[in-house]
């Protein structure tokens, strides 16, 4: 897990290579395989945005490792029509989003939601007990 936490965004490499390194480092932890699929990320984004997105993805992958009991996860990154779509899916145990305490909303998820709002984006959580989780984030770029 320490390798996952230290996978940082390199200013010269950008978001996609950093997420690919994160995926590689996370794969194998708790029998998890993490894939990255990207579309339209030919150009770099603003550095502060790249760092924020990387930290969000890092937190979500860490949540999968810690809680999901998943064997497979996919990080989709799509840059299209001035919008970055991030979708992270896993085949883990899932959870009932309605059961998250209203006050904490799951501390990691609450922190992610604040970061997404800061960039004027939207966060959607789709999960069901026994059927994995999909997190969808849309951020204008």
N, C-alpha and C. Protein backbone atom coordinates (compact mmCIF):
# COMPACT_ATOMS: atom_id res chain seq x y z
N UNK A 1 0.83 -1.19 0.00
CA UNK A 1 0.00 0.00 0.00
C UNK A 1 0.87 1.25 0.00
N UNK A 2 2.06 1.19 0.60
CA UNK A 2 2.91 2.38 0.63
C UNK A 2 3.33 2.79 -0.78
N UNK A 3 3.50 1.82 -1.67
CA UNK A 3 3.83 2.16 -3.06
C UNK A 3 2.68 2.89 -3.74
N UNK A 4 1.46 2.53 -3.39
CA UNK A 4 0.29 3.20 -3.95
C UNK A 4 0.28 4.65 -3.49
N UNK A 5 0.55 4.89 -2.22
CA UNK A 5 0.53 6.24 -1.67
C UNK A 5 1.64 7.12 -2.23
N UNK A 6 2.74 6.53 -2.64
CA UNK A 6 3.89 7.32 -3.09
C UNK A 6 4.02 7.37 -4.60
N UNK A 7 2.95 7.12 -5.33
CA UNK A 7 3.04 7.02 -6.78
C UNK A 7 2.97 8.37 -7.48
N UNK A 8 2.96 9.49 -6.77
CA UNK A 8 2.83 10.87 -7.19
C UNK A 8 2.79 11.23 -8.66
N UNK A 9 2.22 12.37 -8.95
CA UNK A 9 2.18 12.91 -10.30
C UNK A 9 3.52 13.57 -10.58
N UNK A 10 4.18 13.14 -11.63
CA UNK A 10 5.43 13.77 -12.04
C UNK A 10 5.11 14.89 -13.02
N UNK A 11 5.61 16.08 -12.74
CA UNK A 11 5.28 17.25 -13.57
C UNK A 11 5.59 17.00 -15.04
N UNK A 12 6.65 16.28 -15.34
CA UNK A 12 7.01 16.06 -16.74
C UNK A 12 6.18 14.98 -17.41
N UNK A 13 5.61 14.06 -16.63
CA UNK A 13 4.88 12.93 -17.20
C UNK A 13 3.38 13.17 -17.34
N UNK A 14 2.77 13.77 -16.35
CA UNK A 14 1.35 14.06 -16.41
C UNK A 14 0.48 13.01 -15.77
N UNK A 15 -0.81 13.23 -15.91
CA UNK A 15 -1.83 12.44 -15.23
C UNK A 15 -1.85 10.97 -15.66
N UNK A 16 -1.95 10.72 -16.95
CA UNK A 16 -2.12 9.35 -17.43
C UNK A 16 -0.96 8.44 -17.02
N UNK A 17 0.30 8.83 -17.23
CA UNK A 17 1.39 7.96 -16.77
C UNK A 17 1.37 7.74 -15.26
N UNK A 18 0.98 8.76 -14.50
CA UNK A 18 0.91 8.61 -13.04
C UNK A 18 -0.17 7.61 -12.65
N UNK A 19 -1.34 7.69 -13.31
CA UNK A 19 -2.43 6.75 -13.01
C UNK A 19 -2.02 5.34 -13.44
N UNK A 20 -1.32 5.22 -14.54
CA UNK A 20 -0.85 3.90 -14.97
C UNK A 20 0.14 3.31 -13.98
N UNK A 21 1.03 4.14 -13.41
CA UNK A 21 1.96 3.67 -12.38
C UNK A 21 1.20 3.26 -11.11
N UNK A 22 0.21 4.06 -10.75
CA UNK A 22 -0.62 3.74 -9.60
C UNK A 22 -1.29 2.38 -9.79
N UNK A 23 -1.84 2.16 -10.99
CA UNK A 23 -2.50 0.91 -11.33
C UNK A 23 -1.53 -0.27 -11.21
N UNK A 24 -0.36 -0.09 -11.74
CA UNK A 24 0.65 -1.15 -11.70
C UNK A 24 1.04 -1.45 -10.25
N UNK A 25 1.24 -0.41 -9.45
CA UNK A 25 1.63 -0.60 -8.05
C UNK A 25 0.52 -1.21 -7.21
N UNK A 26 -0.74 -0.88 -7.53
CA UNK A 26 -1.87 -1.40 -6.76
C UNK A 26 -2.20 -2.84 -7.15
N UNK A 27 -1.91 -3.20 -8.40
CA UNK A 27 -2.19 -4.56 -8.86
C UNK A 27 -1.33 -5.54 -8.07
N UNK A 28 -1.98 -6.60 -7.61
CA UNK A 28 -1.27 -7.60 -6.82
C UNK A 28 -1.54 -7.47 -5.33
N UNK A 29 -1.94 -6.28 -4.88
CA UNK A 29 -2.29 -6.11 -3.47
C UNK A 29 -3.65 -6.76 -3.26
N UNK A 30 -3.75 -7.65 -2.31
CA UNK A 30 -5.01 -8.36 -2.01
C UNK A 30 -5.60 -9.02 -3.26
N UNK A 31 -4.75 -9.55 -4.14
CA UNK A 31 -5.18 -10.23 -5.38
C UNK A 31 -5.98 -9.34 -6.32
N UNK A 32 -5.73 -8.05 -6.27
CA UNK A 32 -6.44 -7.10 -7.12
C UNK A 32 -5.67 -6.85 -8.41
N UNK A 33 -6.40 -6.77 -9.52
CA UNK A 33 -5.84 -6.38 -10.82
C UNK A 33 -6.51 -5.07 -11.21
N UNK A 34 -5.71 -4.01 -11.43
CA UNK A 34 -6.25 -2.71 -11.79
C UNK A 34 -5.84 -2.38 -13.22
N UNK A 35 -6.81 -2.05 -14.05
CA UNK A 35 -6.59 -1.66 -15.45
C UNK A 35 -6.85 -0.17 -15.60
N UNK A 36 -6.21 0.44 -16.60
CA UNK A 36 -6.49 1.83 -16.95
C UNK A 36 -6.88 1.86 -18.43
N UNK A 37 -8.00 2.52 -18.71
CA UNK A 37 -8.43 2.74 -20.09
C UNK A 37 -8.62 4.24 -20.27
N UNK A 38 -8.02 4.78 -21.33
CA UNK A 38 -8.11 6.23 -21.54
C UNK A 38 -8.53 6.55 -22.96
N UNK A 39 -9.14 7.71 -23.10
CA UNK A 39 -9.54 8.22 -24.41
C UNK A 39 -9.46 9.74 -24.37
N UNK A 40 -8.79 10.33 -25.35
CA UNK A 40 -8.77 11.78 -25.50
C UNK A 40 -7.84 12.52 -24.56
N UNK A 41 -6.91 11.83 -23.95
CA UNK A 41 -5.97 12.51 -23.04
C UNK A 41 -4.64 12.79 -23.75
N UNK A 42 -4.73 13.29 -24.97
CA UNK A 42 -3.53 13.58 -25.75
C UNK A 42 -2.81 14.83 -25.23
N UNK A 43 -3.56 15.75 -24.66
CA UNK A 43 -3.00 17.00 -24.16
C UNK A 43 -3.00 16.99 -22.64
N UNK A 44 -2.01 17.68 -22.09
CA UNK A 44 -1.94 17.83 -20.64
C UNK A 44 -3.04 18.75 -20.16
N UNK A 45 -3.50 18.53 -18.94
CA UNK A 45 -4.45 19.41 -18.28
C UNK A 45 -3.66 20.37 -17.39
N UNK A 46 -4.35 21.34 -16.83
CA UNK A 46 -3.71 22.24 -15.88
C UNK A 46 -3.09 21.39 -14.76
N UNK A 47 -1.85 21.72 -14.35
CA UNK A 47 -1.13 20.89 -13.39
C UNK A 47 -1.90 20.70 -12.08
N UNK A 48 -2.49 21.77 -11.55
CA UNK A 48 -3.24 21.66 -10.29
C UNK A 48 -4.42 20.70 -10.45
N UNK A 49 -5.07 20.73 -11.61
CA UNK A 49 -6.19 19.82 -11.87
C UNK A 49 -5.69 18.39 -11.98
N UNK A 50 -4.58 18.18 -12.68
CA UNK A 50 -4.01 16.83 -12.80
C UNK A 50 -3.69 16.26 -11.43
N UNK A 51 -3.10 17.07 -10.57
CA UNK A 51 -2.75 16.61 -9.22
C UNK A 51 -4.02 16.27 -8.44
N UNK A 52 -5.02 17.14 -8.52
CA UNK A 52 -6.29 16.89 -7.80
C UNK A 52 -6.94 15.60 -8.29
N UNK A 53 -6.97 15.39 -9.59
CA UNK A 53 -7.59 14.19 -10.15
C UNK A 53 -6.80 12.95 -9.73
N UNK A 54 -5.48 13.06 -9.77
CA UNK A 54 -4.66 11.93 -9.35
C UNK A 54 -4.96 11.56 -7.90
N UNK A 55 -5.04 12.55 -7.03
CA UNK A 55 -5.31 12.30 -5.61
C UNK A 55 -6.69 11.65 -5.41
N UNK A 56 -7.66 12.08 -6.19
CA UNK A 56 -8.99 11.47 -6.12
C UNK A 56 -8.92 10.00 -6.53
N UNK A 57 -8.28 9.73 -7.65
CA UNK A 57 -8.16 8.35 -8.13
C UNK A 57 -7.38 7.51 -7.12
N UNK A 58 -6.33 8.09 -6.57
CA UNK A 58 -5.51 7.40 -5.57
C UNK A 58 -6.36 7.01 -4.36
N UNK A 59 -7.19 7.92 -3.89
CA UNK A 59 -8.06 7.64 -2.74
C UNK A 59 -9.07 6.55 -3.09
N UNK A 60 -9.64 6.60 -4.29
CA UNK A 60 -10.63 5.59 -4.67
C UNK A 60 -10.00 4.21 -4.82
N UNK A 61 -8.79 4.14 -5.39
CA UNK A 61 -8.10 2.86 -5.51
C UNK A 61 -7.74 2.33 -4.12
N UNK A 62 -7.32 3.21 -3.24
CA UNK A 62 -7.03 2.81 -1.86
C UNK A 62 -8.28 2.25 -1.19
N UNK A 63 -9.43 2.89 -1.42
CA UNK A 63 -10.70 2.39 -0.87
C UNK A 63 -11.01 1.00 -1.39
N UNK A 64 -10.75 0.77 -2.67
CA UNK A 64 -10.99 -0.56 -3.25
C UNK A 64 -10.10 -1.59 -2.55
N UNK A 65 -8.83 -1.25 -2.38
CA UNK A 65 -7.89 -2.16 -1.72
C UNK A 65 -8.34 -2.46 -0.28
N UNK A 66 -8.74 -1.42 0.43
CA UNK A 66 -9.06 -1.57 1.85
C UNK A 66 -10.42 -2.21 2.13
N UNK A 67 -11.41 -1.91 1.28
CA UNK A 67 -12.78 -2.26 1.64
C UNK A 67 -13.51 -3.19 0.67
N UNK A 68 -13.18 -3.16 -0.60
CA UNK A 68 -14.05 -3.80 -1.61
C UNK A 68 -13.89 -5.30 -1.73
N UNK A 69 -12.74 -5.84 -1.34
CA UNK A 69 -12.47 -7.26 -1.55
C UNK A 69 -12.61 -7.62 -3.03
N UNK A 70 -12.24 -6.68 -3.89
CA UNK A 70 -12.36 -6.86 -5.34
C UNK A 70 -11.15 -7.61 -5.89
N UNK A 71 -11.36 -8.27 -7.01
CA UNK A 71 -10.25 -8.89 -7.74
C UNK A 71 -9.93 -8.12 -9.01
N UNK A 72 -10.84 -7.23 -9.42
CA UNK A 72 -10.63 -6.49 -10.66
C UNK A 72 -11.22 -5.09 -10.54
N UNK A 73 -10.47 -4.12 -11.02
CA UNK A 73 -10.95 -2.74 -11.06
C UNK A 73 -10.48 -2.12 -12.36
N UNK A 74 -11.28 -1.19 -12.87
CA UNK A 74 -10.93 -0.46 -14.10
C UNK A 74 -11.07 1.02 -13.83
N UNK A 75 -10.03 1.77 -14.20
CA UNK A 75 -10.06 3.23 -14.14
C UNK A 75 -10.22 3.71 -15.57
N UNK A 76 -11.35 4.34 -15.87
CA UNK A 76 -11.60 4.91 -17.19
C UNK A 76 -11.36 6.42 -17.10
N UNK A 77 -10.58 6.96 -18.01
CA UNK A 77 -10.36 8.41 -18.11
C UNK A 77 -10.71 8.83 -19.52
N UNK A 78 -11.71 9.70 -19.65
CA UNK A 78 -12.15 10.15 -20.97
C UNK A 78 -12.23 11.67 -20.98
N UNK A 79 -11.51 12.28 -21.91
CA UNK A 79 -11.56 13.72 -22.09
C UNK A 79 -12.29 13.98 -23.41
N UNK A 80 -13.50 14.56 -23.29
CA UNK A 80 -14.33 14.76 -24.48
C UNK A 80 -15.24 15.96 -24.26
N UNK A 81 -15.36 16.80 -25.26
CA UNK A 81 -16.26 17.97 -25.22
C UNK A 81 -16.04 18.83 -23.97
N UNK A 82 -14.78 19.18 -23.70
CA UNK A 82 -14.43 20.04 -22.57
C UNK A 82 -14.87 19.48 -21.23
N UNK A 83 -14.93 18.16 -21.14
CA UNK A 83 -15.29 17.52 -19.88
C UNK A 83 -14.40 16.29 -19.69
N UNK A 84 -13.89 16.15 -18.49
CA UNK A 84 -13.13 14.95 -18.14
C UNK A 84 -14.07 14.03 -17.36
N UNK A 85 -14.23 12.81 -17.86
CA UNK A 85 -15.04 11.81 -17.17
C UNK A 85 -14.09 10.78 -16.59
N UNK A 86 -14.24 10.54 -15.30
CA UNK A 86 -13.47 9.53 -14.59
C UNK A 86 -14.49 8.52 -14.09
N UNK A 87 -14.30 7.27 -14.46
CA UNK A 87 -15.18 6.22 -13.97
C UNK A 87 -14.31 5.11 -13.42
N UNK A 88 -14.56 4.74 -12.18
CA UNK A 88 -13.80 3.68 -11.54
C UNK A 88 -14.78 2.59 -11.12
N UNK A 89 -14.57 1.41 -11.67
CA UNK A 89 -15.46 0.28 -11.42
C UNK A 89 -14.68 -0.84 -10.72
N UNK A 90 -15.35 -1.52 -9.80
CA UNK A 90 -14.74 -2.71 -9.21
C UNK A 90 -15.79 -3.82 -9.09
N UNK A 91 -15.30 -5.04 -8.95
CA UNK A 91 -16.19 -6.19 -8.82
C UNK A 91 -16.26 -6.67 -7.37
N UNK A 92 -16.08 -5.75 -6.46
CA UNK A 92 -16.04 -6.09 -5.04
C UNK A 92 -17.39 -6.31 -4.40
N UNK A 93 -17.38 -6.25 -3.06
CA UNK A 93 -18.58 -6.57 -2.28
C UNK A 93 -19.65 -5.50 -2.36
N UNK A 94 -19.29 -4.29 -2.78
CA UNK A 94 -20.26 -3.21 -2.87
C UNK A 94 -20.74 -2.75 -1.51
N UNK A 95 -21.61 -1.76 -1.52
CA UNK A 95 -22.19 -1.24 -0.29
C UNK A 95 -23.46 -0.50 -0.66
N UNK A 96 -24.24 -0.16 0.34
CA UNK A 96 -25.46 0.60 0.12
C UNK A 96 -25.14 2.07 0.38
N UNK A 97 -25.04 2.90 -0.68
CA UNK A 97 -24.68 4.31 -0.48
C UNK A 97 -25.63 5.03 0.47
N UNK A 98 -26.88 4.57 0.56
CA UNK A 98 -27.85 5.20 1.47
C UNK A 98 -27.50 4.94 2.93
N UNK A 99 -26.69 3.91 3.18
CA UNK A 99 -26.32 3.56 4.55
C UNK A 99 -25.12 4.34 5.07
N UNK A 100 -24.47 5.12 4.20
CA UNK A 100 -23.36 5.95 4.68
C UNK A 100 -23.92 6.98 5.64
N UNK A 101 -23.30 7.15 6.79
CA UNK A 101 -23.80 8.17 7.73
C UNK A 101 -23.83 9.54 7.06
N UNK A 102 -24.93 10.25 7.23
CA UNK A 102 -25.09 11.56 6.59
C UNK A 102 -24.00 12.54 7.02
N UNK A 103 -23.54 12.42 8.26
CA UNK A 103 -22.57 13.38 8.78
C UNK A 103 -21.17 13.14 8.24
N UNK A 104 -20.80 11.89 8.02
CA UNK A 104 -19.43 11.62 7.56
C UNK A 104 -19.38 11.23 6.10
N UNK A 105 -20.48 10.68 5.56
CA UNK A 105 -20.57 10.22 4.16
C UNK A 105 -19.35 9.37 3.79
N UNK A 106 -18.78 8.69 4.77
CA UNK A 106 -17.54 7.97 4.50
C UNK A 106 -16.48 9.03 4.31
N UNK A 107 -15.59 9.19 5.25
CA UNK A 107 -14.66 10.33 5.25
C UNK A 107 -13.93 10.48 3.92
N UNK A 108 -13.47 9.39 3.33
CA UNK A 108 -12.77 9.48 2.05
C UNK A 108 -13.67 9.98 0.95
N UNK A 109 -14.90 9.47 0.91
CA UNK A 109 -15.85 9.89 -0.12
C UNK A 109 -16.26 11.35 0.07
N UNK A 110 -16.38 11.79 1.31
CA UNK A 110 -16.73 13.18 1.57
C UNK A 110 -15.61 14.11 1.09
N UNK A 111 -14.38 13.71 1.34
CA UNK A 111 -13.22 14.49 0.90
C UNK A 111 -13.17 14.55 -0.63
N UNK A 112 -13.45 13.43 -1.27
CA UNK A 112 -13.47 13.38 -2.74
C UNK A 112 -14.57 14.28 -3.27
N UNK A 113 -15.75 14.21 -2.66
CA UNK A 113 -16.88 15.03 -3.08
C UNK A 113 -16.52 16.52 -2.99
N UNK A 114 -15.85 16.93 -1.93
CA UNK A 114 -15.43 18.33 -1.79
C UNK A 114 -14.44 18.73 -2.88
N UNK A 115 -13.50 17.84 -3.19
CA UNK A 115 -12.52 18.14 -4.24
C UNK A 115 -13.20 18.28 -5.60
N UNK A 116 -14.14 17.39 -5.87
CA UNK A 116 -14.88 17.45 -7.14
C UNK A 116 -15.68 18.74 -7.22
N UNK A 117 -16.36 19.11 -6.15
CA UNK A 117 -17.13 20.36 -6.12
C UNK A 117 -16.24 21.57 -6.34
N UNK A 118 -15.03 21.53 -5.76
CA UNK A 118 -14.08 22.64 -5.94
C UNK A 118 -13.80 22.89 -7.42
N UNK A 119 -13.76 21.82 -8.21
CA UNK A 119 -13.51 21.94 -9.66
C UNK A 119 -14.81 22.01 -10.45
N UNK A 120 -15.93 22.30 -9.76
CA UNK A 120 -17.24 22.45 -10.38
C UNK A 120 -17.71 21.19 -11.11
N UNK A 121 -17.35 20.05 -10.53
CA UNK A 121 -17.72 18.77 -11.12
C UNK A 121 -18.84 18.09 -10.37
N UNK A 122 -19.17 16.89 -10.83
CA UNK A 122 -20.23 16.07 -10.24
C UNK A 122 -19.69 14.70 -9.89
N UNK A 123 -20.15 14.16 -8.78
CA UNK A 123 -19.77 12.83 -8.32
C UNK A 123 -21.03 11.98 -8.19
N UNK A 124 -21.00 10.78 -8.78
CA UNK A 124 -22.10 9.84 -8.68
C UNK A 124 -21.56 8.52 -8.15
N UNK A 125 -22.25 7.94 -7.17
CA UNK A 125 -21.86 6.66 -6.61
C UNK A 125 -22.95 5.65 -6.93
N UNK A 126 -22.56 4.58 -7.63
CA UNK A 126 -23.48 3.49 -7.93
C UNK A 126 -22.91 2.23 -7.29
N UNK A 127 -23.61 1.69 -6.32
CA UNK A 127 -23.14 0.49 -5.65
C UNK A 127 -24.31 -0.27 -5.09
N UNK A 128 -24.11 -1.56 -4.97
CA UNK A 128 -25.13 -2.44 -4.43
C UNK A 128 -24.41 -3.59 -3.74
N UNK A 129 -24.89 -3.98 -2.60
CA UNK A 129 -24.27 -5.09 -1.87
C UNK A 129 -24.13 -6.30 -2.78
N UNK A 130 -22.93 -6.83 -2.86
CA UNK A 130 -22.66 -8.02 -3.65
C UNK A 130 -22.42 -7.76 -5.12
N UNK A 131 -22.56 -6.52 -5.58
CA UNK A 131 -22.43 -6.24 -7.02
C UNK A 131 -21.40 -5.17 -7.35
N UNK A 132 -20.44 -4.93 -6.50
CA UNK A 132 -19.38 -3.98 -6.82
C UNK A 132 -19.83 -2.53 -6.74
N UNK A 133 -18.92 -1.68 -7.15
CA UNK A 133 -19.15 -0.24 -7.06
C UNK A 133 -18.64 0.44 -8.32
N UNK A 134 -19.36 1.47 -8.75
CA UNK A 134 -18.93 2.35 -9.83
C UNK A 134 -19.01 3.77 -9.32
N UNK A 135 -17.90 4.48 -9.43
CA UNK A 135 -17.84 5.89 -9.08
C UNK A 135 -17.66 6.66 -10.38
N UNK A 136 -18.53 7.64 -10.62
CA UNK A 136 -18.46 8.43 -11.84
C UNK A 136 -18.25 9.88 -11.46
N UNK A 137 -17.23 10.50 -12.05
CA UNK A 137 -16.90 11.89 -11.78
C UNK A 137 -16.79 12.62 -13.12
N UNK A 138 -17.49 13.73 -13.23
CA UNK A 138 -17.40 14.59 -14.41
C UNK A 138 -16.88 15.94 -13.96
N UNK A 139 -15.81 16.41 -14.61
CA UNK A 139 -15.19 17.68 -14.28
C UNK A 139 -14.99 18.48 -15.57
N UNK A 140 -15.45 19.74 -15.61
CA UNK A 140 -15.19 20.55 -16.79
C UNK A 140 -13.70 20.87 -16.90
N UNK A 141 -13.18 20.85 -18.14
CA UNK A 141 -11.76 21.20 -18.35
C UNK A 141 -11.63 22.30 -19.38
